[in-house]
Each structure stands twice: as structure tokens, then as C-alpha cells.
Amino acid sequence: MNTKVEKMLAMVIVFFAATLAIDFARAAGDNPSNAGGPEEEAAIKQVVAGFSGGWNTHDAHAMCSSLADDVQWVSWRGDVSHSRKQVEDDHAELFSGLYKNSHRNDNVKAIRFLTPELASVDNYWSMTGAKKRDGSDWPYRAGYVNFLMAKRNGRWTIIVSHTADFNAQAPSAAH
């Protein structure tokens, strides 16, 4: 066989093999939900339950044990914290005041595995017993939080949290 034809045939085979490999890689990347099984979902739900448990005992340290040291935390008010310690300190203050009689329920609605060690978690929450900043009762609140969780050292932890409060009111316009 002619070496020129052999080279051309080899290039065609490599081209089609590479195309096939890329298609398989894209298909695997487009279906990340297969990355985590029931045991991983249960472990993630346990992290959320631990967060809720810490909240309901008004123990900021226990609540924040589910957070990474370098967490990015965006509150429902849009305040951003960049460490577990800052989130813990802020909640310790809230638990001694506005949230000292609060009770929170969390309901994980969806978990999407982006990789085997990274998951986006949609969580709906409700709260009773809180106070507004003016001291008036805030009898019922509900909202949504998206947690980005990473599996670090074999343990799921919250690395990013963005919260929305469905009952929030915009601040008064300054005149």
C-alpha cells in the first residue's frame, strides 16, 4: 500500500476517533446528575438537616459546622460574608436578638451534581418566631437558598450560599 494513502487513512481514523471521544466526553458532561447516588444525596440532606438543627437550637457554632472555612455567604439582605467565622458571629448576634425564638424548617427540593464532588442544592425554607429590625413580630417567613456544596476530605460542606426571602420588603427610598 502507498505510504501517502496509509498516512491519509491514519489521519481520517484519528479524526473520527477524536470526534467520537469528544462526543462521549460532552455527553458525560451534559448529564452530571449521574455523578451522585442515593448515598451522596442522603449525605447532602444530612448537612442541610445539621444546619437547620443548629439554627433551631440557636447555636451558631453548630449551624456553621456545615460551612467551609472560606464560604461565600450572601444573606437575604444582600450582605456578603467570606468566612465561616463571620457567618457564625453574625448569627450568634441574631440568635441573641431577632432570631432568639425562631424556628426554621428546610426542605431540599433538588440536588444537581455538577461533578462527583460538587453539587448545587435547591432548598426551600420557612421560619416562625422571628422579629423584624424594628422589634415587631415577623410571624412567618419563607424563602429559598441555593447551596453550592463540595465534598472535601470525604465530607460534604457548603462553599457558597445565596438566600432569598419571599417576604422581604425593599428598604424605603431615601429622599
C-alpha atoms as a PDB file:
ATOM      1  CA  MET A   1       0.000   0.000   0.000  1.00  0.00           C
ATOM      2  CA  ASN A   2       1.144   3.514  -0.741  1.00  0.00           C
ATOM      3  CA  THR A   3       2.550   5.378   2.312  1.00  0.00           C
ATOM      4  CA  LYS A   4       0.708   8.526   1.246  1.00  0.00           C
ATOM      5  CA  VAL A   5      -2.612   6.636   1.292  1.00  0.00           C
ATOM      6  CA  GLU A   6      -1.691   4.982   4.610  1.00  0.00           C
ATOM      7  CA  LYS A   7      -0.993   8.389   6.175  1.00  0.00           C
ATOM      8  CA  MET A   8      -4.247   9.791   4.835  1.00  0.00           C
ATOM      9  CA  LEU A   9      -6.186   6.777   6.153  1.00  0.00           C
ATOM     10  CA  ALA A  10      -4.493   7.103   9.550  1.00  0.00           C
ATOM     11  CA  MET A  11      -5.414  10.811   9.738  1.00  0.00           C
ATOM     12  CA  VAL A  12      -9.035  10.028   8.868  1.00  0.00           C
ATOM     13  CA  ILE A  13      -9.179   7.320  11.564  1.00  0.00           C
ATOM     14  CA  VAL A  14      -7.615   9.650  14.162  1.00  0.00           C
ATOM     15  CA  PHE A  15     -10.030  12.432  13.196  1.00  0.00           C
ATOM     16  CA  PHE A  16     -13.079  10.185  13.614  1.00  0.00           C
ATOM     17  CA  ALA A  17     -11.758   8.645  16.842  1.00  0.00           C
ATOM     18  CA  ALA A  18     -11.093  12.102  18.296  1.00  0.00           C
ATOM     19  CA  THR A  19     -14.559  13.291  17.251  1.00  0.00           C
ATOM     20  CA  LEU A  20     -16.131  10.240  18.878  1.00  0.00           C
ATOM     21  CA  ALA A  21     -14.110  10.742  22.077  1.00  0.00           C
ATOM     22  CA  ILE A  22     -15.125  14.408  22.264  1.00  0.00           C
ATOM     23  CA  ASP A  23     -18.798  13.470  21.757  1.00  0.00           C
ATOM     24  CA  PHE A  24     -18.609  10.913  24.589  1.00  0.00           C
ATOM     25  CA  ALA A  25     -16.944  13.461  26.885  1.00  0.00           C
ATOM     26  CA  ARG A  26     -19.604  16.073  26.096  1.00  0.00           C
ATOM     27  CA  ALA A  27     -22.394  13.575  26.725  1.00  0.00           C
ATOM     28  CA  ALA A  28     -20.910  12.685  30.115  1.00  0.00           C
ATOM     29  CA  GLY A  29     -20.524  16.375  30.979  1.00  0.00           C
ATOM     30  CA  ASP A  30     -24.082  17.167  29.902  1.00  0.00           C
ATOM     31  CA  ASN A  31     -25.502  14.601  32.311  1.00  0.00           C
ATOM     32  CA  PRO A  32     -23.894  15.415  35.661  1.00  0.00           C
ATOM     33  CA  SER A  33     -26.907  14.140  37.604  1.00  0.00           C
ATOM     34  CA  ASN A  34     -25.424  10.651  37.315  1.00  0.00           C
ATOM     35  CA  ALA A  35     -22.414  11.768  39.367  1.00  0.00           C
ATOM     36  CA  GLY A  36     -24.052  11.182  42.764  1.00  0.00           C
ATOM     37  CA  GLY A  37     -26.047   8.261  44.015  1.00  0.00           C
ATOM     38  CA  PRO A  38     -28.614   7.956  46.788  1.00  0.00           C
ATOM     39  CA  GLU A  39     -25.923   7.798  49.483  1.00  0.00           C
ATOM     40  CA  GLU A  40     -24.437  11.120  48.332  1.00  0.00           C
ATOM     41  CA  GLU A  41     -27.879  12.742  48.231  1.00  0.00           C
ATOM     42  CA  ALA A  42     -28.578  11.463  51.753  1.00  0.00           C
ATOM     43  CA  ALA A  43     -25.248  12.877  52.977  1.00  0.00           C
ATOM     44  CA  ILE A  44     -26.059  16.285  51.451  1.00  0.00           C
ATOM     45  CA  LYS A  45     -29.533  16.279  53.042  1.00  0.00           C
ATOM     46  CA  GLN A  46     -27.861  15.463  56.373  1.00  0.00           C
ATOM     47  CA  VAL A  47     -25.696  18.597  56.026  1.00  0.00           C
ATOM     48  CA  VAL A  48     -28.837  20.699  55.496  1.00  0.00           C
ATOM     49  CA  ALA A  49     -30.532  18.990  58.464  1.00  0.00           C
ATOM     50  CA  GLY A  50     -27.488  19.780  60.629  1.00  0.00           C
ATOM     51  CA  PHE A  51     -27.643  23.410  59.526  1.00  0.00           C
ATOM     52  CA  SER A  52     -31.339  23.501  60.468  1.00  0.00           C
ATOM     53  CA  GLY A  53     -30.692  21.761  63.769  1.00  0.00           C
ATOM     54  CA  GLY A  54     -28.080  24.346  64.730  1.00  0.00           C
ATOM     55  CA  TRP A  55     -30.487  27.118  63.797  1.00  0.00           C
ATOM     56  CA  ASN A  56     -33.330  25.634  65.857  1.00  0.00           C
ATOM     57  CA  THR A  57     -31.154  25.276  68.965  1.00  0.00           C
ATOM     58  CA  HIS A  58     -29.881  28.836  68.346  1.00  0.00           C
ATOM     59  CA  ASP A  59     -26.337  27.505  68.302  1.00  0.00           C
ATOM     60  CA  ALA A  60     -24.428  29.465  65.670  1.00  0.00           C
ATOM     61  CA  HIS A  61     -21.349  27.258  66.026  1.00  0.00           C
ATOM     62  CA  ALA A  62     -23.340  24.063  65.382  1.00  0.00           C
ATOM     63  CA  MET A  63     -25.209  25.709  62.499  1.00  0.00           C
ATOM     64  CA  CYS A  64     -21.965  26.821  60.878  1.00  0.00           C
ATOM     65  CA  SER A  65     -20.226  23.450  61.229  1.00  0.00           C
ATOM     66  CA  SER A  66     -21.704  22.682  57.798  1.00  0.00           C
ATOM     67  CA  LEU A  67     -19.880  25.654  56.216  1.00  0.00           C
ATOM     68  CA  ALA A  68     -16.420  25.700  54.659  1.00  0.00           C
ATOM     69  CA  ASP A  69     -13.898  27.992  56.362  1.00  0.00           C
ATOM     70  CA  ASP A  70     -13.790  30.063  53.160  1.00  0.00           C
ATOM     71  CA  VAL A  71     -17.549  30.068  52.492  1.00  0.00           C
ATOM     72  CA  GLN A  72     -19.085  32.837  50.422  1.00  0.00           C
ATOM     73  CA  TRP A  73     -22.353  33.654  52.161  1.00  0.00           C
ATOM     74  CA  VAL A  74     -24.894  36.057  50.651  1.00  0.00           C
ATOM     75  CA  SER A  75     -27.756  36.819  53.020  1.00  0.00           C
ATOM     76  CA  TRP A  76     -31.315  37.591  52.003  1.00  0.00           C
ATOM     77  CA  ARG A  77     -30.442  41.282  52.521  1.00  0.00           C
ATOM     78  CA  GLY A  78     -27.528  41.023  50.084  1.00  0.00           C
ATOM     79  CA  ASP A  79     -24.837  41.185  52.778  1.00  0.00           C
ATOM     80  CA  VAL A  80     -21.774  39.140  51.796  1.00  0.00           C
ATOM     81  CA  SER A  81     -19.566  37.240  54.237  1.00  0.00           C
ATOM     82  CA  HIS A  82     -16.377  35.458  53.216  1.00  0.00           C
ATOM     83  CA  SER A  83     -15.687  33.177  56.168  1.00  0.00           C
ATOM     84  CA  ARG A  84     -17.422  30.698  58.423  1.00  0.00           C
ATOM     85  CA  LYS A  85     -16.325  32.733  61.447  1.00  0.00           C
ATOM     86  CA  GLN A  86     -18.019  35.870  60.121  1.00  0.00           C
ATOM     87  CA  VAL A  87     -21.272  33.976  59.407  1.00  0.00           C
ATOM     88  CA  GLU A  88     -21.094  32.367  62.855  1.00  0.00           C
ATOM     89  CA  ASP A  89     -20.511  35.703  64.606  1.00  0.00           C
ATOM     90  CA  ASP A  90     -23.373  37.346  62.700  1.00  0.00           C
ATOM     91  CA  HIS A  91     -25.772  34.513  63.566  1.00  0.00           C
ATOM     92  CA  ALA A  92     -24.706  34.401  67.218  1.00  0.00           C
ATOM     93  CA  GLU A  93     -25.812  38.039  67.405  1.00  0.00           C
ATOM     94  CA  LEU A  94     -29.079  37.281  65.576  1.00  0.00           C
ATOM     95  CA  PHE A  95     -29.790  34.304  67.847  1.00  0.00           C
ATOM     96  CA  SER A  96     -29.395  36.508  70.910  1.00  0.00           C
ATOM     97  CA  GLY A  97     -31.837  39.051  69.489  1.00  0.00           C
ATOM     98  CA  LEU A  98     -34.056  38.973  66.414  1.00  0.00           C
ATOM     99  CA  TYR A  99     -33.973  35.196  65.931  1.00  0.00           C
ATOM    100  CA  LYS A 100     -33.825  34.010  69.564  1.00  0.00           C
ATOM    101  CA  ASN A 101     -37.327  32.481  69.355  1.00  0.00           C
ATOM    102  CA  SER A 102     -37.203  31.487  65.701  1.00  0.00           C
ATOM    103  CA  HIS A 103     -37.752  28.024  64.306  1.00  0.00           C
ATOM    104  CA  ARG A 104     -36.699  27.057  60.793  1.00  0.00           C
ATOM    105  CA  ASN A 105     -37.811  24.216  58.516  1.00  0.00           C
ATOM    106  CA  ASP A 106     -35.722  23.266  55.484  1.00  0.00           C
ATOM    107  CA  ASN A 107     -36.878  21.199  52.532  1.00  0.00           C
ATOM    108  CA  VAL A 108     -34.321  20.136  49.931  1.00  0.00           C
ATOM    109  CA  LYS A 109     -36.150  20.222  46.600  1.00  0.00           C
ATOM    110  CA  ALA A 110     -33.357  19.335  44.183  1.00  0.00           C
ATOM    111  CA  ILE A 111     -29.731  18.270  44.116  1.00  0.00           C
ATOM    112  CA  ARG A 112     -27.753  18.590  40.889  1.00  0.00           C
ATOM    113  CA  PHE A 113     -24.330  17.011  40.830  1.00  0.00           C
ATOM    114  CA  LEU A 114     -22.041  19.160  38.707  1.00  0.00           C
ATOM    115  CA  THR A 115     -19.189  16.715  39.340  1.00  0.00           C
ATOM    116  CA  PRO A 116     -18.924  13.784  41.760  1.00  0.00           C
ATOM    117  CA  GLU A 117     -17.584  16.242  44.361  1.00  0.00           C
ATOM    118  CA  LEU A 118     -19.597  19.391  43.580  1.00  0.00           C
ATOM    119  CA  ALA A 119     -23.361  19.803  43.919  1.00  0.00           C
ATOM    120  CA  SER A 120     -25.922  22.575  43.610  1.00  0.00           C
ATOM    121  CA  VAL A 121     -28.680  22.229  46.216  1.00  0.00           C
ATOM    122  CA  ASP A 122     -32.090  23.948  45.962  1.00  0.00           C
ATOM    123  CA  ASN A 123     -33.573  24.331  49.421  1.00  0.00           C
ATOM    124  CA  TYR A 124     -36.853  25.959  50.414  1.00  0.00           C
ATOM    125  CA  TRP A 125     -37.129  27.177  53.986  1.00  0.00           C
ATOM    126  CA  SER A 126     -39.759  28.620  56.281  1.00  0.00           C
ATOM    127  CA  MET A 127     -39.372  30.331  59.623  1.00  0.00           C
ATOM    128  CA  THR A 128     -41.624  31.263  62.511  1.00  0.00           C
ATOM    129  CA  GLY A 129     -40.942  33.308  65.629  1.00  0.00           C
ATOM    130  CA  ALA A 130     -38.571  35.918  64.197  1.00  0.00           C
ATOM    131  CA  LYS A 131     -38.579  39.647  64.893  1.00  0.00           C
ATOM    132  CA  LYS A 132     -38.075  42.480  62.423  1.00  0.00           C
ATOM    133  CA  ARG A 133     -35.291  45.001  62.999  1.00  0.00           C
ATOM    134  CA  ASP A 134     -37.852  47.445  64.421  1.00  0.00           C
ATOM    135  CA  GLY A 135     -38.723  44.850  67.100  1.00  0.00           C
ATOM    136  CA  SER A 136     -42.138  43.932  65.692  1.00  0.00           C
ATOM    137  CA  ASP A 137     -43.111  40.310  65.201  1.00  0.00           C
ATOM    138  CA  TRP A 138     -42.370  38.596  61.912  1.00  0.00           C
ATOM    139  CA  PRO A 139     -44.647  35.610  62.440  1.00  0.00           C
ATOM    140  CA  TYR A 140     -43.955  33.761  59.193  1.00  0.00           C
ATOM    141  CA  ARG A 141     -41.178  33.914  56.665  1.00  0.00           C
ATOM    142  CA  ALA A 142     -40.398  31.708  53.710  1.00  0.00           C
ATOM    143  CA  GLY A 143     -37.647  31.660  51.169  1.00  0.00           C
ATOM    144  CA  TYR A 144     -35.184  29.822  49.025  1.00  0.00           C
ATOM    145  CA  VAL A 145     -31.492  29.186  49.357  1.00  0.00           C
ATOM    146  CA  ASN A 146     -29.109  27.732  46.823  1.00  0.00           C
ATOM    147  CA  PHE A 147     -26.162  25.994  48.401  1.00  0.00           C
ATOM    148  CA  LEU A 148     -23.124  25.080  46.364  1.00  0.00           C
ATOM    149  CA  MET A 149     -21.588  22.126  48.182  1.00  0.00           C
ATOM    150  CA  ALA A 150     -18.223  20.486  47.747  1.00  0.00           C
ATOM    151  CA  LYS A 151     -17.037  17.158  49.026  1.00  0.00           C
ATOM    152  CA  ARG A 152     -13.818  17.901  50.884  1.00  0.00           C
ATOM    153  CA  ASN A 153     -11.897  15.229  52.751  1.00  0.00           C
ATOM    154  CA  GLY A 154     -14.825  12.839  52.286  1.00  0.00           C
ATOM    155  CA  ARG A 155     -17.381  15.253  53.794  1.00  0.00           C
ATOM    156  CA  TRP A 156     -19.944  17.494  52.072  1.00  0.00           C
ATOM    157  CA  THR A 157     -19.655  21.147  53.046  1.00  0.00           C
ATOM    158  CA  ILE A 158     -21.338  24.379  51.968  1.00  0.00           C
ATOM    159  CA  ILE A 159     -18.926  26.568  49.994  1.00  0.00           C
ATOM    160  CA  VAL A 160     -21.420  29.147  48.632  1.00  0.00           C
ATOM    161  CA  SER A 161     -24.852  30.162  49.924  1.00  0.00           C
ATOM    162  CA  HIS A 162     -27.274  32.588  48.264  1.00  0.00           C
ATOM    163  CA  THR A 163     -30.548  33.219  50.104  1.00  0.00           C
ATOM    164  CA  ALA A 164     -33.798  34.849  49.051  1.00  0.00           C
ATOM    165  CA  ASP A 165     -36.617  35.805  51.412  1.00  0.00           C
ATOM    166  CA  PHE A 166     -40.025  35.669  49.726  1.00  0.00           C
ATOM    167  CA  ASN A 167     -41.474  38.039  52.366  1.00  0.00           C
ATOM    168  CA  ALA A 168     -38.717  40.632  52.277  1.00  0.00           C
ATOM    169  CA  GLN A 169     -39.594  44.253  51.811  1.00  0.00           C
ATOM    170  CA  ALA A 170     -37.431  46.737  49.971  1.00  0.00           C
ATOM    171  CA  PRO A 171     -35.941  49.484  52.128  1.00  0.00           C
ATOM    172  CA  SER A 172     -37.694  52.847  51.987  1.00  0.00           C
ATOM    173  CA  ALA A 173     -36.410  55.173  49.281  1.00  0.00           C
ATOM    174  CA  ALA A 174     -34.132  57.938  50.584  1.00  0.00           C
ATOM    175  CA  HIS A 175     -35.310  61.450  49.772  1.00  0.00           C
END
